[in-house]
PDB file of N, CA and C in Angstrom:
ATOM      1  N   UNK A   1     -30.428 -64.592  92.166  1.00  0.00           N
ATOM      2  CA  UNK A   1     -31.113 -65.082  93.328  1.00  0.00           C
ATOM      3  C   UNK A   1     -31.015 -66.573  93.414  1.00  0.00           C
ATOM      4  N   UNK A   2     -31.133 -67.294  92.260  1.00  0.00           N
ATOM      5  CA  UNK A   2     -31.095 -68.680  92.195  1.00  0.00           C
ATOM      6  C   UNK A   2     -29.748 -69.215  92.641  1.00  0.00           C
ATOM      7  N   UNK A   3     -28.681 -68.495  92.232  1.00  0.00           N
ATOM      8  CA  UNK A   3     -27.332 -69.011  92.585  1.00  0.00           C
ATOM      9  C   UNK A   3     -27.063 -68.839  94.078  1.00  0.00           C
ATOM     10  N   UNK A   4     -27.616 -67.881  94.731  1.00  0.00           N
ATOM     11  CA  UNK A   4     -27.458 -67.769  96.175  1.00  0.00           C
ATOM     12  C   UNK A   4     -28.106 -68.896  96.963  1.00  0.00           C
ATOM     13  N   UNK A   5     -29.105 -69.519  96.392  1.00  0.00           N
ATOM     14  CA  UNK A   5     -29.778 -70.656  97.054  1.00  0.00           C
ATOM     15  C   UNK A   5     -29.122 -72.003  96.623  1.00  0.00           C
ATOM     16  N   UNK A   6     -28.803 -72.124  95.371  1.00  0.00           N
ATOM     17  CA  UNK A   6     -28.280 -73.396  94.842  1.00  0.00           C
ATOM     18  C   UNK A   6     -26.835 -73.629  95.345  1.00  0.00           C
ATOM     19  N   UNK A   7     -26.041 -72.638  95.309  1.00  0.00           N
ATOM     20  CA  UNK A   7     -24.614 -72.800  95.652  1.00  0.00           C
ATOM     21  C   UNK A   7     -24.436 -73.320  97.095  1.00  0.00           C
ATOM     22  N   UNK A   8     -25.067 -72.705  98.071  1.00  0.00           N
ATOM     23  CA  UNK A   8     -24.925 -73.238  99.425  1.00  0.00           C
ATOM     24  C   UNK A   8     -25.531 -74.707  99.571  1.00  0.00           C
ATOM     25  N   UNK A   9     -26.627 -74.927  98.864  1.00  0.00           N
ATOM     26  CA  UNK A   9     -27.190 -76.283  98.940  1.00  0.00           C
ATOM     27  C   UNK A   9     -26.251 -77.303  98.285  1.00  0.00           C
ATOM     28  N   UNK A  10     -25.645 -76.942  97.175  1.00  0.00           N
ATOM     29  CA  UNK A  10     -24.687 -77.814  96.501  1.00  0.00           C
ATOM     30  C   UNK A  10     -23.458 -78.056  97.414  1.00  0.00           C
ATOM     31  N   UNK A  11     -22.984 -77.026  98.039  1.00  0.00           N
ATOM     32  CA  UNK A  11     -21.832 -77.173  98.959  1.00  0.00           C
ATOM     33  C   UNK A  11     -22.186 -78.032 100.129  1.00  0.00           C
ATOM     34  N   UNK A  12     -23.373 -77.951 100.682  1.00  0.00           N
ATOM     35  CA  UNK A  12     -23.775 -78.824 101.768  1.00  0.00           C
ATOM     36  C   UNK A  12     -23.873 -80.238 101.375  1.00  0.00           C
ATOM     37  N   UNK A  13     -24.412 -80.489 100.168  1.00  0.00           N
ATOM     38  CA  UNK A  13     -24.508 -81.854  99.661  1.00  0.00           C
ATOM     39  C   UNK A  13     -23.093 -82.460  99.456  1.00  0.00           C
ATOM     40  N   UNK A  14     -22.151 -81.665  98.895  1.00  0.00           N
ATOM     41  CA  UNK A  14     -20.813 -82.210  98.636  1.00  0.00           C
ATOM     42  C   UNK A  14     -20.109 -82.422  99.953  1.00  0.00           C
ATOM     43  N   UNK A  15     -20.257 -81.553 100.932  1.00  0.00           N
ATOM     44  CA  UNK A  15     -19.581 -81.703 102.186  1.00  0.00           C
ATOM     45  C   UNK A  15     -20.164 -82.864 103.035  1.00  0.00           C
ATOM     46  N   UNK A  16     -21.460 -83.100 102.862  1.00  0.00           N
ATOM     47  CA  UNK A  16     -22.070 -84.211 103.616  1.00  0.00           C
ATOM     48  C   UNK A  16     -21.602 -85.525 103.054  1.00  0.00           C
ATOM     49  N   UNK A  17     -21.150 -85.610 101.843  1.00  0.00           N
ATOM     50  CA  UNK A  17     -20.624 -86.870 101.258  1.00  0.00           C
ATOM     51  C   UNK A  17     -19.253 -87.151 101.764  1.00  0.00           C
ATOM     52  N   UNK A  18     -18.535 -86.291 102.348  1.00  0.00           N
ATOM     53  CA  UNK A  18     -17.171 -86.471 102.876  1.00  0.00           C
ATOM     54  C   UNK A  18     -17.249 -86.903 104.310  1.00  0.00           C
ATOM     55  N   UNK A  19     -17.418 -88.192 104.494  1.00  0.00           N
ATOM     56  CA  UNK A  19     -17.450 -88.735 105.863  1.00  0.00           C
ATOM     57  C   UNK A  19     -16.131 -89.226 106.259  1.00  0.00           C
ATOM     58  N   UNK A  20     -15.819 -89.298 107.525  1.00  0.00           N
ATOM     59  CA  UNK A  20     -14.614 -89.873 108.049  1.00  0.00           C
ATOM     60  C   UNK A  20     -14.643 -91.375 107.851  1.00  0.00           C
ATOM     61  N   UNK A  21     -13.512 -91.941 107.640  1.00  0.00           N
ATOM     62  CA  UNK A  21     -13.480 -93.497 107.560  1.00  0.00           C
ATOM     63  C   UNK A  21     -13.826 -94.062 108.910  1.00  0.00           C
ATOM     64  N   UNK A  22     -14.413 -95.171 108.883  1.00  0.00           N
ATOM     65  CA  UNK A  22     -14.817 -95.876 110.116  1.00  0.00           C
ATOM     66  C   UNK A  22     -13.513 -96.409 110.775  1.00  0.00           C
ATOM     67  N   UNK A  23     -13.231 -96.138 112.043  1.00  0.00           N
ATOM     68  CA  UNK A  23     -12.044 -96.651 112.706  1.00  0.00           C
ATOM     69  C   UNK A  23     -12.239 -98.162 112.904  1.00  0.00           C
ATOM     70  N   UNK A  24     -11.127 -98.900 112.899  1.00  0.00           N
ATOM     71  CA  UNK A  24     -11.208-100.378 113.147  1.00  0.00           C
ATOM     72  C   UNK A  24     -11.656-100.611 114.541  1.00  0.00           C
ATOM     73  N   UNK A  25     -12.282-101.785 114.733  1.00  0.00           N
ATOM     74  CA  UNK A  25     -12.730-102.210 116.064  1.00  0.00           C
ATOM     75  C   UNK A  25     -11.580-102.345 116.964  1.00  0.00           C
ATOM     76  N   UNK A  26     -11.700-101.870 118.226  1.00  0.00           N
ATOM     77  CA  UNK A  26     -10.518-101.974 119.113  1.00  0.00           C
ATOM     78  C   UNK A  26     -10.240-103.422 119.579  1.00  0.00           C
ATOM     79  N   UNK A  27     -11.186-104.368 119.361  1.00  0.00           N
ATOM     80  CA  UNK A  27     -10.926-105.735 119.726  1.00  0.00           C
ATOM     81  C   UNK A  27     -10.033-106.495 118.813  1.00  0.00           C
ATOM     82  N   UNK A  28      -9.941-106.007 117.570  1.00  0.00           N
ATOM     83  CA  UNK A  28      -9.055-106.700 116.615  1.00  0.00           C
ATOM     84  C   UNK A  28      -7.675-106.074 116.573  1.00  0.00           C
ATOM     85  N   UNK A  29      -6.649-106.892 116.691  1.00  0.00           N
ATOM     86  CA  UNK A  29      -5.268-106.318 116.628  1.00  0.00           C
ATOM     87  C   UNK A  29      -4.927-105.878 115.189  1.00  0.00           C
ATOM     88  N   UNK A  30      -4.037-104.927 115.055  1.00  0.00           N
ATOM     89  CA  UNK A  30      -3.678-104.513 113.734  1.00  0.00           C
ATOM     90  C   UNK A  30      -3.031-105.592 112.918  1.00  0.00           C
ATOM     91  N   UNK A  31      -3.161-105.581 111.639  1.00  0.00           N
ATOM     92  CA  UNK A  31      -2.495-106.591 110.841  1.00  0.00           C
ATOM     93  C   UNK A  31      -1.017-106.398 110.864  1.00  0.00           C
ATOM     94  N   UNK A  32      -0.258-107.452 110.912  1.00  0.00           N
ATOM     95  CA  UNK A  32       1.193-107.325 110.940  1.00  0.00           C
ATOM     96  C   UNK A  32       1.754-106.817 109.622  1.00  0.00           C
ATOM     97  N   UNK A  33       2.720-105.993 109.635  1.00  0.00           N
ATOM     98  CA  UNK A  33       3.322-105.430 108.506  1.00  0.00           C
ATOM     99  C   UNK A  33       4.805-105.717 108.506  1.00  0.00           C
ATOM    100  N   UNK A  34       5.367-105.758 107.359  1.00  0.00           N
ATOM    101  CA  UNK A  34       6.826-106.031 107.167  1.00  0.00           C
ATOM    102  C   UNK A  34       7.248-107.310 107.758  1.00  0.00           C
ATOM    103  N   UNK A  35       6.483-108.379 107.554  1.00  0.00           N
ATOM    104  CA  UNK A  35       6.780-109.696 108.131  1.00  0.00           C
ATOM    105  C   UNK A  35       7.979-110.300 107.453  1.00  0.00           C
ATOM    106  N   UNK A  36       8.206-110.051 106.225  1.00  0.00           N
ATOM    107  CA  UNK A  36       9.387-110.626 105.546  1.00  0.00           C
ATOM    108  C   UNK A  36      10.689-109.997 106.165  1.00  0.00           C
ATOM    109  N   UNK A  37      10.685-108.756 106.442  1.00  0.00           N
ATOM    110  CA  UNK A  37      11.851-108.100 107.003  1.00  0.00           C
ATOM    111  C   UNK A  37      12.110-108.600 108.446  1.00  0.00           C
ATOM    112  N   UNK A  38      10.985-108.660 109.208  1.00  0.00           N
ATOM    113  CA  UNK A  38      11.101-109.179 110.561  1.00  0.00           C
ATOM    114  C   UNK A  38      11.650-110.654 110.555  1.00  0.00           C
ATOM    115  N   UNK A  39      11.086-111.423 109.627  1.00  0.00           N
ATOM    116  CA  UNK A  39      11.537-112.846 109.552  1.00  0.00           C
ATOM    117  C   UNK A  39      13.003-112.937 109.165  1.00  0.00           C
ATOM    118  N   UNK A  40      13.474-112.075 108.230  1.00  0.00           N
ATOM    119  CA  UNK A  40      14.866-112.092 107.757  1.00  0.00           C
ATOM    120  C   UNK A  40      15.764-111.663 108.897  1.00  0.00           C
ATOM    121  N   UNK A  41      15.339-110.825 109.810  1.00  0.00           N
ATOM    122  CA  UNK A  41      16.148-110.423 110.964  1.00  0.00           C
ATOM    123  C   UNK A  41      16.167-111.461 112.070  1.00  0.00           C
ATOM    124  N   UNK A  42      15.003-112.082 112.284  1.00  0.00           N
ATOM    125  CA  UNK A  42      14.822-113.010 113.437  1.00  0.00           C
ATOM    126  C   UNK A  42      15.433-114.418 113.183  1.00  0.00           C
ATOM    127  N   UNK A  43      15.422-114.887 111.947  1.00  0.00           N
ATOM    128  CA  UNK A  43      15.949-116.217 111.662  1.00  0.00           C
ATOM    129  C   UNK A  43      17.411-116.391 112.061  1.00  0.00           C
ATOM    130  N   UNK A  44      18.329-115.520 111.738  1.00  0.00           N
ATOM    131  CA  UNK A  44      19.720-115.720 112.184  1.00  0.00           C
ATOM    132  C   UNK A  44      19.863-115.633 113.691  1.00  0.00           C
ATOM    133  N   UNK A  45      19.051-114.802 114.340  1.00  0.00           N
ATOM    134  CA  UNK A  45      19.113-114.753 115.818  1.00  0.00           C
ATOM    135  C   UNK A  45      18.659-116.055 116.415  1.00  0.00           C
ATOM    136  N   UNK A  46      17.567-116.655 115.862  1.00  0.00           N
ATOM    137  CA  UNK A  46      17.128-117.941 116.359  1.00  0.00           C
ATOM    138  C   UNK A  46      18.137-119.067 116.140  1.00  0.00           C
ATOM    139  N   UNK A  47      18.752-119.045 114.962  1.00  0.00           N
ATOM    140  CA  UNK A  47      19.792-120.032 114.680  1.00  0.00           C
ATOM    141  C   UNK A  47      20.939-119.894 115.661  1.00  0.00           C
ATOM    142  N   UNK A  48      21.342-118.696 115.940  1.00  0.00           N
ATOM    143  CA  UNK A  48      22.492-118.460 116.870  1.00  0.00           C
ATOM    144  C   UNK A  48      22.106-118.961 118.276  1.00  0.00           C
ATOM    145  N   UNK A  49      20.894-118.751 118.640  1.00  0.00           N
ATOM    146  CA  UNK A  49      20.460-119.218 119.996  1.00  0.00           C
ATOM    147  C   UNK A  49      20.472-120.747 120.055  1.00  0.00           C
ATOM    148  N   UNK A  50      20.049-121.415 118.977  1.00  0.00           N
ATOM    149  CA  UNK A  50      20.037-122.850 119.024  1.00  0.00           C
ATOM    150  C   UNK A  50      21.433-123.376 118.994  1.00  0.00           C
ATOM    151  N   UNK A  51      22.360-122.760 118.258  1.00  0.00           N
ATOM    152  CA  UNK A  51      23.769-123.166 118.239  1.00  0.00           C
ATOM    153  C   UNK A  51      24.323-122.974 119.611  1.00  0.00           C
ATOM    154  N   UNK A  52      24.008-121.850 120.282  1.00  0.00           N
ATOM    155  CA  UNK A  52      24.538-121.602 121.606  1.00  0.00           C
ATOM    156  C   UNK A  52      24.058-122.614 122.604  1.00  0.00           C
ATOM    157  N   UNK A  53      22.781-123.030 122.495  1.00  0.00           N
ATOM    158  CA  UNK A  53      22.243-124.112 123.354  1.00  0.00           C
ATOM    159  C   UNK A  53      22.958-125.390 123.121  1.00  0.00           C
ATOM    160  N   UNK A  54      23.176-125.731 121.887  1.00  0.00           N
ATOM    161  CA  UNK A  54      23.883-126.943 121.531  1.00  0.00           C
ATOM    162  C   UNK A  54      25.303-126.928 122.101  1.00  0.00           C
ATOM    163  N   UNK A  55      26.014-125.818 121.988  1.00  0.00           N
ATOM    164  CA  UNK A  55      27.382-125.733 122.463  1.00  0.00           C
ATOM    165  C   UNK A  55      27.382-125.829 123.975  1.00  0.00           C
ATOM    166  N   UNK A  56      26.406-125.269 124.627  1.00  0.00           N
ATOM    167  CA  UNK A  56      26.347-125.311 126.115  1.00  0.00           C
ATOM    168  C   UNK A  56      26.076-126.759 126.578  1.00  0.00           C
ATOM    169  N   UNK A  57      25.175-127.427 125.874  1.00  0.00           N
ATOM    170  CA  UNK A  57      24.903-128.863 126.238  1.00  0.00           C
ATOM    171  C   UNK A  57      26.174-129.689 126.034  1.00  0.00           C
ATOM    172  N   UNK A  58      26.876-129.467 124.953  1.00  0.00           N
ATOM    173  CA  UNK A  58      28.101-130.199 124.682  1.00  0.00           C
ATOM    174  C   UNK A  58      29.144-129.903 125.776  1.00  0.00           C
ATOM    175  N   UNK A  59      29.297-128.678 126.137  1.00  0.00           N
ATOM    176  CA  UNK A  59      30.246-128.305 127.146  1.00  0.00           C
ATOM    177  C   UNK A  59      29.882-128.969 128.508  1.00  0.00           C
ATOM    178  N   UNK A  60      28.576-128.953 128.850  1.00  0.00           N
ATOM    179  CA  UNK A  60      28.173-129.625 130.046  1.00  0.00           C
ATOM    180  C   UNK A  60      28.448-131.121 130.061  1.00  0.00           C
ATOM    181  N   UNK A  61      28.210-131.721 128.859  1.00  0.00           N
ATOM    182  CA  UNK A  61      28.444-133.175 128.767  1.00  0.00           C
ATOM    183  C   UNK A  61      29.908-133.437 128.930  1.00  0.00           C
ATOM    184  N   UNK A  62      30.784-132.640 128.293  1.00  0.00           N
ATOM    185  CA  UNK A  62      32.204-132.840 128.429  1.00  0.00           C
ATOM    186  C   UNK A  62      32.675-132.646 129.915  1.00  0.00           C
ATOM    187  N   UNK A  63      32.139-131.651 130.575  1.00  0.00           N
ATOM    188  CA  UNK A  63      32.502-131.415 131.958  1.00  0.00           C
ATOM    189  C   UNK A  63      32.098-132.575 132.836  1.00  0.00           C
ATOM    190  N   UNK A  64      30.870-133.087 132.566  1.00  0.00           N
ATOM    191  CA  UNK A  64      30.439-134.220 133.391  1.00  0.00           C
ATOM    192  C   UNK A  64      31.261-135.466 133.105  1.00  0.00           C
ATOM    193  N   UNK A  65      31.608-135.672 131.826  1.00  0.00           N
ATOM    194  CA  UNK A  65      32.507-136.790 131.555  1.00  0.00           C
ATOM    195  C   UNK A  65      33.852-136.638 132.164  1.00  0.00           C
ATOM    196  N   UNK A  66      34.404-135.458 132.176  1.00  0.00           N
ATOM    197  CA  UNK A  66      35.673-135.198 132.817  1.00  0.00           C
ATOM    198  C   UNK A  66      35.627-135.442 134.312  1.00  0.00           C
ATOM    199  N   UNK A  67      34.460-135.037 134.903  1.00  0.00           N
ATOM    200  CA  UNK A  67      34.317-135.234 136.376  1.00  0.00           C
ATOM    201  C   UNK A  67      34.215-136.725 136.656  1.00  0.00           C
ATOM    202  N   UNK A  68      33.483-137.450 135.833  1.00  0.00           N
ATOM    203  CA  UNK A  68      33.320-138.887 136.101  1.00  0.00           C
ATOM    204  C   UNK A  68      34.685-139.601 135.893  1.00  0.00           C
ATOM    205  N   UNK A  69      35.414-139.189 134.906  1.00  0.00           N
ATOM    206  CA  UNK A  69      36.738-139.778 134.686  1.00  0.00           C
ATOM    207  C   UNK A  69      37.712-139.541 135.757  1.00  0.00           C
ATOM    208  N   UNK A  70      37.656-138.330 136.394  1.00  0.00           N
ATOM    209  CA  UNK A  70      38.641-138.032 137.432  1.00  0.00           C
ATOM    210  C   UNK A  70      38.149-138.487 138.824  1.00  0.00           C
ATOM    211  N   UNK A  71      36.869-138.846 138.893  1.00  0.00           N
ATOM    212  CA  UNK A  71      36.341-139.305 140.198  1.00  0.00           C
ATOM    213  C   UNK A  71      35.796-138.190 141.030  1.00  0.00           C
ATOM    214  N   UNK A  72      35.836-136.970 140.557  1.00  0.00           N
ATOM    215  CA  UNK A  72      35.305-135.859 141.364  1.00  0.00           C
ATOM    216  C   UNK A  72      33.809-135.782 141.216  1.00  0.00           C
ATOM    217  N   UNK A  73      33.213-135.254 142.220  1.00  0.00           N
ATOM    218  CA  UNK A  73      31.728-135.063 142.169  1.00  0.00           C
ATOM    219  C   UNK A  73      31.504-133.709 141.502  1.00  0.00           C
ATOM    220  N   UNK A  74      30.497-133.627 140.627  1.00  0.00           N
ATOM    221  CA  UNK A  74      30.190-132.337 139.996  1.00  0.00           C
ATOM    222  C   UNK A  74      29.636-131.321 141.002  1.00  0.00           C
ATOM    223  N   UNK A  75      29.913-130.076 140.694  1.00  0.00           N
ATOM    224  CA  UNK A  75      29.339-129.029 141.668  1.00  0.00           C
ATOM    225  C   UNK A  75      27.859-128.986 141.551  1.00  0.00           C
ATOM    226  N   UNK A  76      27.183-128.627 142.675  1.00  0.00           N
ATOM    227  CA  UNK A  76      25.686-128.629 142.633  1.00  0.00           C
ATOM    228  C   UNK A  76      25.186-127.580 141.598  1.00  0.00           C
ATOM    229  N   UNK A  77      24.113-127.964 140.939  1.00  0.00           N
ATOM    230  CA  UNK A  77      23.509-127.001 140.041  1.00  0.00           C
ATOM    231  C   UNK A  77      22.752-126.010 140.706  1.00  0.00           C
ATOM    232  N   UNK A  78      22.705-124.782 140.210  1.00  0.00           N
ATOM    233  CA  UNK A  78      21.954-123.674 140.857  1.00  0.00           C
ATOM    234  C   UNK A  78      20.495-123.773 140.762  1.00  0.00           C
TER     235      UNK A  78
END
């Protein structure tokens, strides 16, 4: 008779200790993960973009110099 009473009470106590974890607040963004990998991928892309910008500026400067040397007016910029 004692086991019929104690066993369910013990099971209820054990199950009541198993609570769900508290979810994070929706206002806070999740912490970034794999930042080293993202950084390793993004750095070469950024360097390529800066080189591309430098090359474009150089090409524009050469075209402007050629236009000035030949006496032509440069085409209007868009």
